[in-house]
């Protein structure tokens, strides 16, 4: 899997990690402070193991968290993300809905459920939950649900809506790399090559090169007639990602 797609996939896990750091101590139906503390600790462990790809251990930790406190919303959120990664969608949906029932205005949970709905192909419902996630005026990372909404819109062939969401993401955080890359890609497809170049310049200042970003760089510089830059990025693409699909496409381009 190339790096930019991996970044997209990991947006869910990014939100999960944030949840762990700012979990509320107020949950519905259970006021046992010790049980709450244990549930949070096991949820944190579940997140850590999930982010390392140790899904079996992660599942055990989330289940332990819910055994101590079945009303702990962040544990339901965490195990829902895990089940989504494992493609056990019925259980993922069940835990997302429980998490939302327990914390109906939690932007992180709402964003994650929006991601889940998008993955299932339900664009309209996904967009609704991304919008709900953005209703909190003090939400610290609104660029994430804006970007996720944009990615979901693109997936369902709504490019104008996607562009609107990416622009809003960049209004909130001008240095958010995924939104910068996606705006560069959209600009290129629309024939705005200088604009695509400018977005890529901003992207390069804050993010590492990927096979996709370098391939886009090559094509943009080619369109702009910047032969030296085109050659430089082509060389970097071949050197850094010799076995990538983008390098294969580059080789095809240069044979034409």
Protein backbone atom coordinates (compact mmCIF):
# COMPACT_ATOMS: atom_id res chain seq x y z
CA UNK A 1 0.00 0.00 0.00
CA UNK A 2 1.43 3.40 -0.93
CA UNK A 3 2.02 6.04 1.70
CA UNK A 4 -0.78 8.49 0.89
CA UNK A 5 -3.41 5.71 0.99
CA UNK A 6 -1.96 4.52 4.28
CA UNK A 7 -2.35 8.04 5.66
CA UNK A 8 -6.01 8.06 4.59
CA UNK A 9 -6.59 4.70 6.23
CA UNK A 10 -4.96 5.85 9.44
CA UNK A 11 -7.21 8.87 9.93
CA UNK A 12 -9.53 6.64 11.94
CA UNK A 13 -6.69 5.54 14.18
CA UNK A 14 -5.58 9.13 14.62
CA UNK A 15 -9.01 10.00 16.00
CA UNK A 16 -8.94 6.95 18.24
CA UNK A 17 -5.61 8.05 19.71
CA UNK A 18 -7.00 11.50 20.42
CA UNK A 19 -10.01 10.00 22.18
CA UNK A 20 -7.77 8.20 24.60
CA UNK A 21 -6.05 11.41 25.62
CA UNK A 22 -9.19 13.41 26.34
CA UNK A 23 -11.67 10.85 27.61
CA UNK A 24 -14.39 12.22 29.83
CA UNK A 25 -14.96 10.84 33.30
CA UNK A 26 -18.70 11.32 32.95
CA UNK A 27 -20.46 8.27 31.52
CA UNK A 28 -24.08 7.20 31.59
CA UNK A 29 -25.18 4.64 34.10
CA UNK A 30 -22.00 3.94 36.05
CA UNK A 31 -20.32 6.18 38.60
CA UNK A 32 -17.76 3.72 39.94
CA UNK A 33 -14.55 5.76 39.77
CA UNK A 34 -12.28 2.71 40.04
CA UNK A 35 -14.13 0.87 37.29
CA UNK A 36 -13.96 4.01 35.17
CA UNK A 37 -10.20 4.27 35.66
CA UNK A 38 -9.67 0.60 34.80
CA UNK A 39 -11.88 0.91 31.70
CA UNK A 40 -9.85 3.89 30.51
CA UNK A 41 -6.54 2.11 31.14
CA UNK A 42 -7.61 -0.97 29.20
CA UNK A 43 -8.99 1.23 26.42
CA UNK A 44 -5.62 2.98 26.17
CA UNK A 45 -3.92 -0.41 25.92
CA UNK A 46 -6.41 -1.53 23.27
CA UNK A 47 -5.59 1.54 21.19
CA UNK A 48 -1.85 1.04 21.58
CA UNK A 49 -2.00 -2.60 20.46
CA UNK A 50 -4.35 -1.75 17.60
CA UNK A 51 -1.98 0.92 16.31
CA UNK A 52 0.81 -1.67 16.35
CA UNK A 53 -1.34 -4.09 14.35
CA UNK A 54 -1.70 -6.57 17.23
CA UNK A 55 -5.43 -6.89 16.78
CA UNK A 56 -5.96 -10.03 18.84
CA UNK A 57 -4.44 -8.47 21.96
CA UNK A 58 -6.19 -5.19 21.23
CA UNK A 59 -9.57 -6.95 21.17
CA UNK A 60 -8.84 -8.56 24.53
CA UNK A 61 -8.04 -5.17 26.08
CA UNK A 62 -11.18 -3.50 24.75
CA UNK A 63 -13.31 -6.40 25.97
CA UNK A 64 -11.67 -6.11 29.38
CA UNK A 65 -12.42 -2.37 29.43
CA UNK A 66 -16.10 -3.03 28.72
CA UNK A 67 -16.17 -5.76 31.36
CA UNK A 68 -15.15 -3.17 33.94
CA UNK A 69 -17.56 -0.56 32.60
CA UNK A 70 -20.04 -1.43 29.87
CA UNK A 71 -21.05 2.26 29.75
CA UNK A 72 -17.59 3.54 28.81
CA UNK A 73 -18.19 5.21 25.44
CA UNK A 74 -14.54 5.45 24.41
CA UNK A 75 -14.11 1.69 24.78
CA UNK A 76 -17.11 1.15 22.49
CA UNK A 77 -15.57 3.62 20.06
CA UNK A 78 -12.21 1.84 20.16
CA UNK A 79 -13.58 -1.64 19.69
CA UNK A 80 -15.81 -0.36 16.87
CA UNK A 81 -12.76 0.94 15.00
CA UNK A 82 -11.04 -2.40 15.57
CA UNK A 83 -14.01 -4.39 14.27
CA UNK A 84 -14.17 -2.05 11.27
CA UNK A 85 -10.50 -2.76 10.52
CA UNK A 86 -11.26 -6.46 10.79
CA UNK A 87 -14.32 -6.02 8.50
CA UNK A 88 -16.69 -7.34 11.16
CA UNK A 89 -19.18 -4.65 10.24
CA UNK A 90 -22.18 -5.82 12.26
CA UNK A 91 -20.22 -5.61 15.51
CA UNK A 92 -18.58 -2.35 14.47
CA UNK A 93 -22.00 -0.78 13.84
CA UNK A 94 -23.32 -2.08 17.14
CA UNK A 95 -20.49 -0.52 19.14
CA UNK A 96 -20.53 2.76 17.22
CA UNK A 97 -24.23 3.16 17.93
CA UNK A 98 -23.69 2.40 21.61
CA UNK A 99 -20.83 4.91 21.79
CA UNK A 100 -23.03 7.59 20.19
CA UNK A 101 -25.88 6.74 22.57
CA UNK A 102 -23.54 7.29 25.51
CA UNK A 103 -21.78 10.41 24.14
CA UNK A 104 -24.05 11.82 21.41
CA UNK A 105 -22.07 15.03 20.87
CA UNK A 106 -18.55 13.56 20.89
CA UNK A 107 -16.95 14.77 17.66
CA UNK A 108 -14.36 12.00 17.54
CA UNK A 109 -16.96 9.26 17.76
CA UNK A 110 -19.21 10.97 15.22
CA UNK A 111 -16.30 11.34 12.80
CA UNK A 112 -15.39 7.68 13.15
CA UNK A 113 -18.97 6.57 12.51
CA UNK A 114 -19.02 8.80 9.45
CA UNK A 115 -15.91 6.98 8.21
CA UNK A 116 -17.61 3.66 8.80
CA UNK A 117 -20.73 4.70 6.88
CA UNK A 118 -18.58 5.97 4.01
CA UNK A 119 -16.76 2.66 3.88
CA UNK A 120 -20.13 0.94 3.62
CA UNK A 121 -21.03 3.16 0.66
CA UNK A 122 -23.59 5.33 2.45
CA UNK A 123 -22.41 8.83 1.42
CA UNK A 124 -25.46 10.78 2.58
CA UNK A 125 -25.48 9.30 6.09
CA UNK A 126 -21.70 9.59 6.34
CA UNK A 127 -21.86 13.28 5.43
CA UNK A 128 -24.51 13.81 8.09
CA UNK A 129 -22.25 12.44 10.81
CA UNK A 130 -19.20 14.37 9.59
CA UNK A 131 -21.33 17.52 9.83
CA UNK A 132 -22.47 16.56 13.33
CA UNK A 133 -18.83 16.12 14.33
CA UNK A 134 -18.21 19.70 13.23
CA UNK A 135 -21.03 21.21 15.28
CA UNK A 136 -18.81 21.50 18.36
CA UNK A 137 -17.39 25.07 18.18
CA UNK A 138 -14.37 24.20 20.34
CA UNK A 139 -13.46 20.94 18.60
CA UNK A 140 -9.64 21.13 18.35
CA UNK A 141 -9.15 19.29 15.02
CA UNK A 142 -12.05 20.13 12.65
CA UNK A 143 -9.70 19.69 9.69
CA UNK A 144 -9.96 15.91 10.19
CA UNK A 145 -13.73 15.47 9.68
CA UNK A 146 -13.63 18.11 6.91
CA UNK A 147 -10.91 16.09 5.15
CA UNK A 148 -12.67 12.80 5.77
CA UNK A 149 -15.85 14.27 4.31
CA UNK A 150 -13.84 15.36 1.29
CA UNK A 151 -12.29 11.93 0.83
CA UNK A 152 -15.70 10.32 1.14
CA UNK A 153 -17.17 12.74 -1.41
CA UNK A 154 -14.36 11.89 -3.82
CA UNK A 155 -14.96 8.18 -3.31
CA UNK A 156 -18.57 8.70 -4.35
CA UNK A 157 -17.70 10.94 -7.32
CA UNK A 158 -18.78 14.27 -5.81
CA UNK A 159 -15.67 16.26 -6.72
CA UNK A 160 -17.14 19.74 -6.20
CA UNK A 161 -18.29 18.86 -2.69
CA UNK A 162 -14.91 17.25 -2.02
CA UNK A 163 -13.13 20.44 -3.04
CA UNK A 164 -15.35 22.49 -0.75
CA UNK A 165 -14.55 20.25 2.21
CA UNK A 166 -10.80 20.25 1.51
CA UNK A 167 -10.82 24.04 1.32
CA UNK A 168 -12.61 24.24 4.66
CA UNK A 169 -10.06 21.84 6.16
CA UNK A 170 -7.27 24.13 5.01
CA UNK A 171 -9.05 27.18 6.39
CA UNK A 172 -8.94 25.48 9.79
CA UNK A 173 -5.40 24.15 9.37
CA UNK A 174 -3.42 25.48 6.37
CA UNK A 175 -0.73 22.88 6.99
CA UNK A 176 -2.88 19.75 6.95
CA UNK A 177 -0.98 17.54 4.45
CA UNK A 178 -3.76 15.26 3.22
CA UNK A 179 -6.01 18.20 2.31
CA UNK A 180 -3.08 19.93 0.57
CA UNK A 181 -2.31 16.84 -1.49
CA UNK A 182 -5.95 16.30 -2.44
CA UNK A 183 -6.32 19.93 -3.51
CA UNK A 184 -3.20 19.57 -5.65
CA UNK A 185 -4.65 16.46 -7.26
CA UNK A 186 -8.01 18.12 -7.91
CA UNK A 187 -6.35 21.24 -9.31
CA UNK A 188 -4.29 19.12 -11.69
CA UNK A 189 -7.35 17.24 -12.93
CA UNK A 190 -9.13 20.56 -13.49
CA UNK A 191 -6.22 21.88 -15.54
CA UNK A 192 -5.06 24.44 -12.95
CA UNK A 193 -1.41 23.40 -13.10
CA UNK A 194 0.12 26.40 -11.38
CA UNK A 195 -2.38 26.06 -8.55
CA UNK A 196 -1.53 22.36 -8.26
CA UNK A 197 2.17 23.33 -8.15
CA UNK A 198 1.52 25.80 -5.34
CA UNK A 199 -0.37 23.23 -3.25
CA UNK A 200 2.45 20.75 -3.72
CA UNK A 201 4.98 23.34 -2.65
CA UNK A 202 3.08 23.78 0.60
CA UNK A 203 2.74 20.00 0.96
CA UNK A 204 6.49 19.47 0.52
CA UNK A 205 7.24 21.93 3.32
CA UNK A 206 5.47 19.79 5.93
CA UNK A 207 5.24 16.20 4.65
CA UNK A 208 7.57 13.51 3.37
CA UNK A 209 7.53 12.60 -0.30
CA UNK A 210 5.35 9.66 -1.29
CA UNK A 211 5.20 7.82 -4.59
CA UNK A 212 1.89 9.54 -5.32
CA UNK A 213 3.07 13.04 -4.45
CA UNK A 214 6.22 12.63 -6.57
CA UNK A 215 4.27 11.25 -9.52
CA UNK A 216 1.91 14.22 -9.31
CA UNK A 217 4.94 16.51 -9.09
CA UNK A 218 6.37 15.01 -12.29
CA UNK A 219 3.13 15.53 -14.20
CA UNK A 220 2.60 19.07 -12.91
CA UNK A 221 6.12 20.17 -13.79
CA UNK A 222 5.72 18.54 -17.21
CA UNK A 223 2.54 20.53 -17.84
CA UNK A 224 4.24 23.74 -16.73
CA UNK A 225 7.22 23.08 -19.00
CA UNK A 226 9.69 22.93 -16.10
CA UNK A 227 11.94 20.25 -17.60
CA UNK A 228 14.69 20.40 -14.99
CA UNK A 229 12.19 20.08 -12.14
CA UNK A 230 10.37 17.28 -13.97
CA UNK A 231 13.61 15.36 -14.40
CA UNK A 232 14.61 15.91 -10.78
CA UNK A 233 11.31 14.60 -9.40
CA UNK A 234 11.34 11.68 -11.84
CA UNK A 235 14.80 10.68 -10.61
CA UNK A 236 13.68 10.98 -6.99
CA UNK A 237 10.59 8.85 -7.67
CA UNK A 238 12.65 6.10 -9.28
CA UNK A 239 15.26 6.16 -6.53
CA UNK A 240 12.85 6.29 -3.59
CA UNK A 241 10.04 4.05 -4.85
CA UNK A 242 11.50 1.79 -7.57
CA UNK A 243 8.79 -0.87 -7.32
CA UNK A 244 5.77 1.43 -7.04
CA UNK A 245 2.89 1.67 -9.47
CA UNK A 246 3.78 5.33 -9.95
CA UNK A 247 7.28 4.45 -11.14
CA UNK A 248 5.74 2.01 -13.61
CA UNK A 249 3.49 4.81 -14.89
CA UNK A 250 6.50 7.13 -15.14
CA UNK A 251 8.36 4.59 -17.28
CA UNK A 252 5.32 4.28 -19.54
CA UNK A 253 5.10 8.07 -19.86
CA UNK A 254 8.71 8.40 -20.87
CA UNK A 255 8.34 5.74 -23.59
CA UNK A 256 5.64 7.77 -25.33
